[in-house]
Amino acid sequence: MFADRSLPYPISFPCLARFRPIPNILSTMVLFNAIQYILEKSLFFVYQPLTFKLMKTRLLSVTLIAFSVLFFGQAQAQKYLTKTGQITFYSETPLETIQADNRQVNAALDPLSGDFVFKVLIKSFQFEKALMQEHFNENYMESDQYPNSTFQGKVTNISQIDFNKPGTYDALIEGDLTIHNITRKISEKGTFTVESGVVKGHSKFKVRPEDYEIKIPKTVMNNIAEVIEVTVNVELNRL
């Protein structure tokens, strides 16, 4: 019979320090099972003199520590998401006022890195007049060919926003705005209002259709403003 005895030195796993936050619970559990399997094999070969009972106890302790490290990393990577954000654009000329609303905007914010992304389905914009909506999709935005508009950027002053403290914070946002398959760099200002488990984002900026190669027919050119006002409102919920 083998006699119980303590390990000659503490077990440490410096490789855990290199793990990046796990994107979701399923991935965490998969990685957790892999770590457990490796530990089982390692402890079996390295510490054979241990009794099965002692080895099982130490294995449980180590795997619990490893899981805690992974779970803590994931908690630090919490994100804010919405699928019901709102974007409104507004055009005003002496001949006509045009407004359209889209309440199916997807957006995500990473409060650690400042990564901020949007995806907008063009056909989800609703107009007061059905004919105007038809012209918007078929003639101007060509939404069958270019169904989405996207933004990929960052909140550059993310370190100045305390997501654990209620209040309204100024935000500086930079990134790539893609409309009509044309991508341009933009830099805009906005605000984040932090509430319990919710972050409300707001921004208002200008877009020139010609910058994104959106062709306006001459017959209606005087009905559409050269610069369109875009208003963004999102209520981001913490995962």
C-alpha atoms as a PDB file:
ATOM      1  CA  MET A   1       0.000   0.000   0.000  1.00  0.00           C
ATOM      2  CA  PHE A   2       1.161   3.508  -0.761  1.00  0.00           C
ATOM      3  CA  ALA A   3       1.264   5.894   2.179  1.00  0.00           C
ATOM      4  CA  ASP A   4      -0.446   9.296   2.036  1.00  0.00           C
ATOM      5  CA  ARG A   5       1.947  12.203   1.970  1.00  0.00           C
ATOM      6  CA  SER A   6       1.809  15.915   1.015  1.00  0.00           C
ATOM      7  CA  LEU A   7       3.064  17.191  -2.291  1.00  0.00           C
ATOM      8  CA  PRO A   8       6.704  18.363  -2.164  1.00  0.00           C
ATOM      9  CA  TYR A   9       5.735  21.817  -3.478  1.00  0.00           C
ATOM     10  CA  PRO A  10       2.568  23.784  -4.335  1.00  0.00           C
ATOM     11  CA  ILE A  11       1.084  23.318  -7.774  1.00  0.00           C
ATOM     12  CA  SER A  12       0.931  26.499  -9.887  1.00  0.00           C
ATOM     13  CA  PHE A  13      -0.375  27.042 -13.388  1.00  0.00           C
ATOM     14  CA  PRO A  14       1.208  30.209 -14.818  1.00  0.00           C
ATOM     15  CA  CYS A  15      -0.322  29.410 -18.218  1.00  0.00           C
ATOM     16  CA  LEU A  16      -3.699  30.481 -16.840  1.00  0.00           C
ATOM     17  CA  ALA A  17      -2.421  34.070 -16.781  1.00  0.00           C
ATOM     18  CA  ARG A  18      -2.303  34.019 -20.571  1.00  0.00           C
ATOM     19  CA  PHE A  19      -5.933  33.036 -21.026  1.00  0.00           C
ATOM     20  CA  ARG A  20      -8.099  35.708 -22.630  1.00  0.00           C
ATOM     21  CA  PRO A  21     -11.709  36.191 -21.492  1.00  0.00           C
ATOM     22  CA  ILE A  22     -14.006  33.425 -22.754  1.00  0.00           C
ATOM     23  CA  PRO A  23     -16.774  34.737 -25.020  1.00  0.00           C
ATOM     24  CA  ASN A  24     -19.632  32.692 -23.552  1.00  0.00           C
ATOM     25  CA  ILE A  25     -20.601  30.097 -20.945  1.00  0.00           C
ATOM     26  CA  LEU A  26     -20.529  27.205 -23.437  1.00  0.00           C
ATOM     27  CA  SER A  27     -16.941  27.984 -24.429  1.00  0.00           C
ATOM     28  CA  THR A  28     -15.990  28.296 -20.764  1.00  0.00           C
ATOM     29  CA  MET A  29     -17.365  24.845 -19.961  1.00  0.00           C
ATOM     30  CA  VAL A  30     -15.555  23.286 -22.927  1.00  0.00           C
ATOM     31  CA  LEU A  31     -12.253  24.813 -21.818  1.00  0.00           C
ATOM     32  CA  PHE A  32     -12.957  23.840 -18.211  1.00  0.00           C
ATOM     33  CA  ASN A  33     -13.430  20.186 -19.221  1.00  0.00           C
ATOM     34  CA  ALA A  34     -10.208  20.289 -21.237  1.00  0.00           C
ATOM     35  CA  ILE A  35      -8.254  21.667 -18.264  1.00  0.00           C
ATOM     36  CA  GLN A  36      -9.742  19.030 -16.007  1.00  0.00           C
ATOM     37  CA  TYR A  37      -8.714  16.274 -18.412  1.00  0.00           C
ATOM     38  CA  ILE A  38      -5.127  17.588 -18.641  1.00  0.00           C
ATOM     39  CA  LEU A  39      -4.878  17.895 -14.893  1.00  0.00           C
ATOM     40  CA  GLU A  40      -6.146  14.353 -14.392  1.00  0.00           C
ATOM     41  CA  LYS A  41      -3.500  12.960 -16.747  1.00  0.00           C
ATOM     42  CA  SER A  42      -0.715  15.128 -15.311  1.00  0.00           C
ATOM     43  CA  LEU A  43      -1.453  14.286 -11.707  1.00  0.00           C
ATOM     44  CA  PHE A  44      -1.751  10.575 -12.473  1.00  0.00           C
ATOM     45  CA  PHE A  45       1.725  10.343 -13.947  1.00  0.00           C
ATOM     46  CA  VAL A  46       3.558  12.872 -11.773  1.00  0.00           C
ATOM     47  CA  TYR A  47       2.078  11.964  -8.408  1.00  0.00           C
ATOM     48  CA  GLN A  48       1.446   8.224  -8.618  1.00  0.00           C
ATOM     49  CA  PRO A  49       2.531   7.731  -4.967  1.00  0.00           C
ATOM     50  CA  LEU A  50      -0.558   9.635  -3.853  1.00  0.00           C
ATOM     51  CA  THR A  51      -3.581   7.612  -2.831  1.00  0.00           C
ATOM     52  CA  PHE A  52      -6.614   7.973  -5.064  1.00  0.00           C
ATOM     53  CA  LYS A  53      -8.469   9.872  -2.341  1.00  0.00           C
ATOM     54  CA  LEU A  54      -5.773  12.496  -1.875  1.00  0.00           C
ATOM     55  CA  MET A  55      -5.260  12.904  -5.610  1.00  0.00           C
ATOM     56  CA  LYS A  56      -8.986  13.375  -6.156  1.00  0.00           C
ATOM     57  CA  THR A  57      -9.161  16.022  -3.417  1.00  0.00           C
ATOM     58  CA  ARG A  58      -6.238  17.993  -4.792  1.00  0.00           C
ATOM     59  CA  LEU A  59      -7.524  17.667  -8.351  1.00  0.00           C
ATOM     60  CA  LEU A  60     -10.887  19.091  -7.305  1.00  0.00           C
ATOM     61  CA  SER A  61      -9.216  22.049  -5.592  1.00  0.00           C
ATOM     62  CA  VAL A  62      -7.035  22.849  -8.570  1.00  0.00           C
ATOM     63  CA  THR A  63      -9.855  22.595 -11.116  1.00  0.00           C
ATOM     64  CA  LEU A  64     -12.072  24.798  -8.973  1.00  0.00           C
ATOM     65  CA  ILE A  65      -9.318  27.418  -8.877  1.00  0.00           C
ATOM     66  CA  ALA A  66      -8.875  27.171 -12.643  1.00  0.00           C
ATOM     67  CA  PHE A  67     -12.614  27.522 -13.234  1.00  0.00           C
ATOM     68  CA  SER A  68     -12.737  30.544 -10.918  1.00  0.00           C
ATOM     69  CA  VAL A  69      -9.968  32.237 -12.889  1.00  0.00           C
ATOM     70  CA  LEU A  70     -11.776  31.597 -16.164  1.00  0.00           C
ATOM     71  CA  PHE A  71     -15.133  32.720 -14.827  1.00  0.00           C
ATOM     72  CA  PHE A  72     -13.608  35.891 -13.369  1.00  0.00           C
ATOM     73  CA  GLY A  73     -12.043  36.673 -16.755  1.00  0.00           C
ATOM     74  CA  GLN A  74     -15.414  36.234 -18.418  1.00  0.00           C
ATOM     75  CA  ALA A  75     -17.147  38.489 -15.883  1.00  0.00           C
ATOM     76  CA  GLN A  76     -14.666  41.215 -16.699  1.00  0.00           C
ATOM     77  CA  ALA A  77     -15.593  40.879 -20.397  1.00  0.00           C
ATOM     78  CA  GLN A  78     -19.287  41.637 -20.010  1.00  0.00           C
ATOM     79  CA  LYS A  79     -20.801  43.373 -22.987  1.00  0.00           C
ATOM     80  CA  TYR A  80     -23.839  45.545 -23.619  1.00  0.00           C
ATOM     81  CA  LEU A  81     -26.143  44.578 -26.475  1.00  0.00           C
ATOM     82  CA  THR A  82     -29.398  45.521 -28.165  1.00  0.00           C
ATOM     83  CA  LYS A  83     -31.414  44.357 -31.160  1.00  0.00           C
ATOM     84  CA  THR A  84     -33.970  47.138 -30.889  1.00  0.00           C
ATOM     85  CA  GLY A  85     -31.911  50.288 -31.244  1.00  0.00           C
ATOM     86  CA  GLN A  86     -33.330  53.259 -33.138  1.00  0.00           C
ATOM     87  CA  ILE A  87     -31.883  55.284 -35.999  1.00  0.00           C
ATOM     88  CA  THR A  88     -33.783  58.194 -37.550  1.00  0.00           C
ATOM     89  CA  PHE A  89     -32.744  60.242 -40.542  1.00  0.00           C
ATOM     90  CA  TYR A  90     -34.184  63.612 -41.417  1.00  0.00           C
ATOM     91  CA  SER A  91     -34.074  65.651 -44.605  1.00  0.00           C
ATOM     92  CA  GLU A  92     -35.588  69.118 -44.983  1.00  0.00           C
ATOM     93  CA  THR A  93     -35.817  71.346 -48.049  1.00  0.00           C
ATOM     94  CA  PRO A  94     -38.231  74.131 -49.021  1.00  0.00           C
ATOM     95  CA  LEU A  95     -40.107  71.582 -51.139  1.00  0.00           C
ATOM     96  CA  GLU A  96     -40.319  68.597 -48.834  1.00  0.00           C
ATOM     97  CA  THR A  97     -39.538  67.175 -45.403  1.00  0.00           C
ATOM     98  CA  ILE A  98     -38.559  63.509 -45.220  1.00  0.00           C
ATOM     99  CA  GLN A  99     -38.118  61.392 -42.109  1.00  0.00           C
ATOM    100  CA  ALA A 100     -37.630  57.656 -41.662  1.00  0.00           C
ATOM    101  CA  ASP A 101     -37.250  55.498 -38.546  1.00  0.00           C
ATOM    102  CA  ASN A 102     -35.573  52.160 -38.020  1.00  0.00           C
ATOM    103  CA  ARG A 103     -36.227  50.413 -34.691  1.00  0.00           C
ATOM    104  CA  GLN A 104     -34.446  47.138 -35.448  1.00  0.00           C
ATOM    105  CA  VAL A 105     -30.857  48.272 -35.052  1.00  0.00           C
ATOM    106  CA  ASN A 106     -28.307  45.790 -33.704  1.00  0.00           C
ATOM    107  CA  ALA A 107     -25.525  47.257 -31.567  1.00  0.00           C
ATOM    108  CA  ALA A 108     -22.869  46.004 -29.144  1.00  0.00           C
ATOM    109  CA  LEU A 109     -20.476  47.784 -26.792  1.00  0.00           C
ATOM    110  CA  ASP A 110     -17.451  46.361 -24.989  1.00  0.00           C
ATOM    111  CA  PRO A 111     -16.928  48.530 -21.869  1.00  0.00           C
ATOM    112  CA  LEU A 112     -13.317  47.391 -21.477  1.00  0.00           C
ATOM    113  CA  SER A 113     -11.883  47.841 -24.961  1.00  0.00           C
ATOM    114  CA  GLY A 114     -14.353  50.489 -26.130  1.00  0.00           C
ATOM    115  CA  ASP A 115     -15.250  48.474 -29.228  1.00  0.00           C
ATOM    116  CA  PHE A 116     -18.593  49.714 -30.560  1.00  0.00           C
ATOM    117  CA  VAL A 117     -20.409  48.132 -33.523  1.00  0.00           C
ATOM    118  CA  PHE A 118     -23.717  48.600 -35.329  1.00  0.00           C
ATOM    119  CA  LYS A 119     -25.587  46.667 -38.003  1.00  0.00           C
ATOM    120  CA  VAL A 120     -28.612  48.221 -39.700  1.00  0.00           C
ATOM    121  CA  LEU A 121     -31.012  46.487 -42.075  1.00  0.00           C
ATOM    122  CA  ILE A 122     -31.837  49.125 -44.690  1.00  0.00           C
ATOM    123  CA  LYS A 123     -35.282  47.757 -45.479  1.00  0.00           C
ATOM    124  CA  SER A 124     -36.292  48.245 -41.840  1.00  0.00           C
ATOM    125  CA  PHE A 125     -36.516  52.031 -42.320  1.00  0.00           C
ATOM    126  CA  GLN A 126     -40.159  53.068 -42.225  1.00  0.00           C
ATOM    127  CA  PHE A 127     -41.478  56.130 -44.064  1.00  0.00           C
ATOM    128  CA  GLU A 128     -44.741  58.005 -43.791  1.00  0.00           C
ATOM    129  CA  LYS A 129     -45.402  57.458 -47.493  1.00  0.00           C
ATOM    130  CA  ALA A 130     -45.169  53.978 -49.012  1.00  0.00           C
ATOM    131  CA  LEU A 131     -44.016  55.356 -52.396  1.00  0.00           C
ATOM    132  CA  MET A 132     -41.190  57.237 -50.727  1.00  0.00           C
ATOM    133  CA  GLN A 133     -40.075  54.035 -48.975  1.00  0.00           C
ATOM    134  CA  GLU A 134     -40.141  52.172 -52.278  1.00  0.00           C
ATOM    135  CA  HIS A 135     -37.989  54.793 -54.003  1.00  0.00           C
ATOM    136  CA  PHE A 136     -35.576  54.831 -51.056  1.00  0.00           C
ATOM    137  CA  ASN A 137     -34.960  51.072 -51.267  1.00  0.00           C
ATOM    138  CA  GLU A 138     -35.052  50.580 -55.033  1.00  0.00           C
ATOM    139  CA  ASN A 139     -33.583  53.770 -56.498  1.00  0.00           C
ATOM    140  CA  TYR A 140     -31.340  55.313 -53.863  1.00  0.00           C
ATOM    141  CA  MET A 141     -30.050  52.691 -51.419  1.00  0.00           C
ATOM    142  CA  GLU A 142     -30.406  49.662 -53.731  1.00  0.00           C
ATOM    143  CA  SER A 143     -31.134  47.631 -50.622  1.00  0.00           C
ATOM    144  CA  ASP A 144     -31.486  44.313 -52.460  1.00  0.00           C
ATOM    145  CA  GLN A 145     -27.865  44.631 -53.519  1.00  0.00           C
ATOM    146  CA  TYR A 146     -26.616  46.379 -50.368  1.00  0.00           C
ATOM    147  CA  PRO A 147     -28.947  45.171 -47.586  1.00  0.00           C
ATOM    148  CA  ASN A 148     -26.989  46.417 -44.561  1.00  0.00           C
ATOM    149  CA  SER A 149     -25.243  49.472 -43.234  1.00  0.00           C
ATOM    150  CA  THR A 150     -22.581  48.945 -40.567  1.00  0.00           C
ATOM    151  CA  PHE A 151     -20.367  50.836 -38.187  1.00  0.00           C
ATOM    152  CA  GLN A 152     -17.212  49.382 -36.650  1.00  0.00           C
ATOM    153  CA  GLY A 153     -15.304  51.614 -34.299  1.00  0.00           C
ATOM    154  CA  LYS A 154     -14.345  52.556 -30.771  1.00  0.00           C
ATOM    155  CA  VAL A 155     -15.308  54.857 -27.961  1.00  0.00           C
ATOM    156  CA  THR A 156     -11.908  56.511 -27.722  1.00  0.00           C
ATOM    157  CA  ASN A 157     -12.444  57.948 -24.238  1.00  0.00           C
ATOM    158  CA  ILE A 158     -13.891  54.744 -22.769  1.00  0.00           C
ATOM    159  CA  SER A 159     -11.622  55.058 -19.708  1.00  0.00           C
ATOM    160  CA  GLN A 160     -13.499  58.220 -18.703  1.00  0.00           C
ATOM    161  CA  ILE A 161     -16.855  56.404 -18.552  1.00  0.00           C
ATOM    162  CA  ASP A 162     -17.703  54.614 -15.297  1.00  0.00           C
ATOM    163  CA  PHE A 163     -20.161  51.862 -16.156  1.00  0.00           C
ATOM    164  CA  ASN A 164     -20.623  51.108 -12.463  1.00  0.00           C
ATOM    165  CA  LYS A 165     -21.723  54.640 -11.577  1.00  0.00           C
ATOM    166  CA  PRO A 166     -25.074  56.065 -12.752  1.00  0.00           C
ATOM    167  CA  GLY A 167     -24.787  59.291 -14.707  1.00  0.00           C
ATOM    168  CA  THR A 168     -24.423  60.805 -18.174  1.00  0.00           C
ATOM    169  CA  TYR A 169     -20.994  60.791 -19.803  1.00  0.00           C
ATOM    170  CA  ASP A 170     -19.668  62.424 -22.960  1.00  0.00           C
ATOM    171  CA  ALA A 171     -18.414  59.966 -25.572  1.00  0.00           C
ATOM    172  CA  LEU A 172     -15.953  60.363 -28.444  1.00  0.00           C
ATOM    173  CA  ILE A 173     -16.583  57.803 -31.170  1.00  0.00           C
ATOM    174  CA  GLU A 174     -14.398  56.995 -34.175  1.00  0.00           C
ATOM    175  CA  GLY A 175     -14.584  54.255 -36.749  1.00  0.00           C
ATOM    176  CA  ASP A 176     -15.655  53.016 -40.176  1.00  0.00           C
ATOM    177  CA  LEU A 177     -19.177  53.773 -41.390  1.00  0.00           C
ATOM    178  CA  THR A 178     -20.316  51.673 -44.354  1.00  0.00           C
ATOM    179  CA  ILE A 179     -23.350  52.761 -46.369  1.00  0.00           C
ATOM    180  CA  HIS A 180     -24.223  51.610 -49.888  1.00  0.00           C
ATOM    181  CA  ASN A 181     -21.052  49.455 -49.829  1.00  0.00           C
ATOM    182  CA  ILE A 182     -18.870  52.565 -49.388  1.00  0.00           C
ATOM    183  CA  THR A 183     -16.787  52.859 -46.210  1.00  0.00           C
ATOM    184  CA  ARG A 184     -15.594  56.135 -44.730  1.00  0.00           C
ATOM    185  CA  LYS A 185     -13.880  57.133 -41.523  1.00  0.00           C
ATOM    186  CA  ILE A 186     -16.019  59.212 -39.190  1.00  0.00           C
ATOM    187  CA  SER A 187     -15.441  60.899 -35.850  1.00  0.00           C
ATOM    188  CA  GLU A 188     -18.497  61.953 -33.861  1.00  0.00           C
ATOM    189  CA  LYS A 189     -19.611  62.922 -30.367  1.00  0.00           C
ATOM    190  CA  GLY A 190     -22.360  61.392 -28.266  1.00  0.00           C
ATOM    191  CA  THR A 191     -23.400  60.532 -24.740  1.00  0.00           C
ATOM    192  CA  PHE A 192     -23.823  57.418 -22.628  1.00  0.00           C
ATOM    193  CA  THR A 193     -26.302  57.443 -19.760  1.00  0.00           C
ATOM    194  CA  VAL A 194     -25.528  54.689 -17.260  1.00  0.00           C
ATOM    195  CA  GLU A 195     -28.389  53.199 -15.282  1.00  0.00           C
ATOM    196  CA  SER A 196     -28.814  49.923 -13.413  1.00  0.00           C
ATOM    197  CA  GLY A 197     -27.716  47.245 -15.889  1.00  0.00           C
ATOM    198  CA  VAL A 198     -28.517  49.524 -18.847  1.00  0.00           C
ATOM    199  CA  VAL A 199     -26.494  51.974 -20.930  1.00  0.00           C
ATOM    200  CA  LYS A 200     -28.387  54.453 -23.123  1.00  0.00           C
ATOM    201  CA  GLY A 201     -26.393  55.789 -26.038  1.00  0.00           C
ATOM    202  CA  HIS A 202     -27.256  58.906 -28.036  1.00  0.00           C
ATOM    203  CA  SER A 203     -25.621  60.677 -30.960  1.00  0.00           C
ATOM    204  CA  LYS A 204     -26.602  63.056 -33.743  1.00  0.00           C
ATOM    205  CA  PHE A 205     -24.461  63.650 -36.829  1.00  0.00           C
ATOM    206  CA  LYS A 206     -24.580  64.565 -40.528  1.00  0.00           C
ATOM    207  CA  VAL A 207     -24.209  62.376 -43.617  1.00  0.00           C
ATOM    208  CA  ARG A 208     -23.829  63.494 -47.217  1.00  0.00           C
ATOM    209  CA  PRO A 209     -25.430  60.989 -49.660  1.00  0.00           C
ATOM    210  CA  GLU A 210     -22.876  61.784 -52.356  1.00  0.00           C
ATOM    211  CA  ASP A 211     -20.058  60.684 -50.022  1.00  0.00           C
ATOM    212  CA  TYR A 212     -21.493  57.176 -50.226  1.00  0.00           C
ATOM    213  CA  GLU A 213     -22.228  57.276 -53.971  1.00  0.00           C
ATOM    214  CA  ILE A 214     -25.981  57.451 -53.440  1.00  0.00           C
ATOM    215  CA  LYS A 215     -27.346  58.907 -56.650  1.00  0.00           C
ATOM    216  CA  ILE A 216     -30.335  61.215 -56.422  1.00  0.00           C
ATOM    217  CA  PRO A 217     -32.344  61.579 -59.664  1.00  0.00           C
ATOM    218  CA  LYS A 218     -32.449  65.131 -61.024  1.00  0.00           C
ATOM    219  CA  THR A 219     -36.241  65.098 -60.944  1.00  0.00           C
ATOM    220  CA  VAL A 220     -36.244  64.957 -57.110  1.00  0.00           C
ATOM    221  CA  MET A 221     -32.851  66.494 -56.358  1.00  0.00           C
ATOM    222  CA  ASN A 222     -34.437  69.637 -54.903  1.00  0.00           C
ATOM    223  CA  ASN A 223     -36.651  67.527 -52.636  1.00  0.00           C
ATOM    224  CA  ILE A 224     -33.764  65.903 -50.761  1.00  0.00           C
ATOM    225  CA  ALA A 225     -31.253  67.779 -48.638  1.00  0.00           C
ATOM    226  CA  GLU A 226     -27.576  67.635 -49.553  1.00  0.00           C
ATOM    227  CA  VAL A 227     -26.807  66.783 -45.919  1.00  0.00           C
ATOM    228  CA  ILE A 228     -28.955  64.314 -43.983  1.00  0.00           C
ATOM    229  CA  GLU A 229     -29.293  64.501 -40.204  1.00  0.00           C
ATOM    230  CA  VAL A 230     -28.920  61.107 -38.503  1.00  0.00           C
ATOM    231  CA  THR A 231     -30.014  60.497 -34.899  1.00  0.00           C
ATOM    232  CA  VAL A 232     -28.991  57.357 -33.018  1.00  0.00           C
ATOM    233  CA  ASN A 233     -30.621  56.121 -29.798  1.00  0.00           C
ATOM    234  CA  VAL A 234     -29.780  52.729 -28.320  1.00  0.00           C
ATOM    235  CA  GLU A 235     -30.629  51.119 -24.999  1.00  0.00           C
ATOM    236  CA  LEU A 236     -27.886  48.576 -24.387  1.00  0.00           C
ATOM    237  CA  ASN A 237     -28.538  45.785 -21.898  1.00  0.00           C
ATOM    238  CA  ARG A 238     -25.734  44.090 -19.979  1.00  0.00           C
ATOM    239  CA  LEU A 239     -25.317  40.378 -20.614  1.00  0.00           C
END
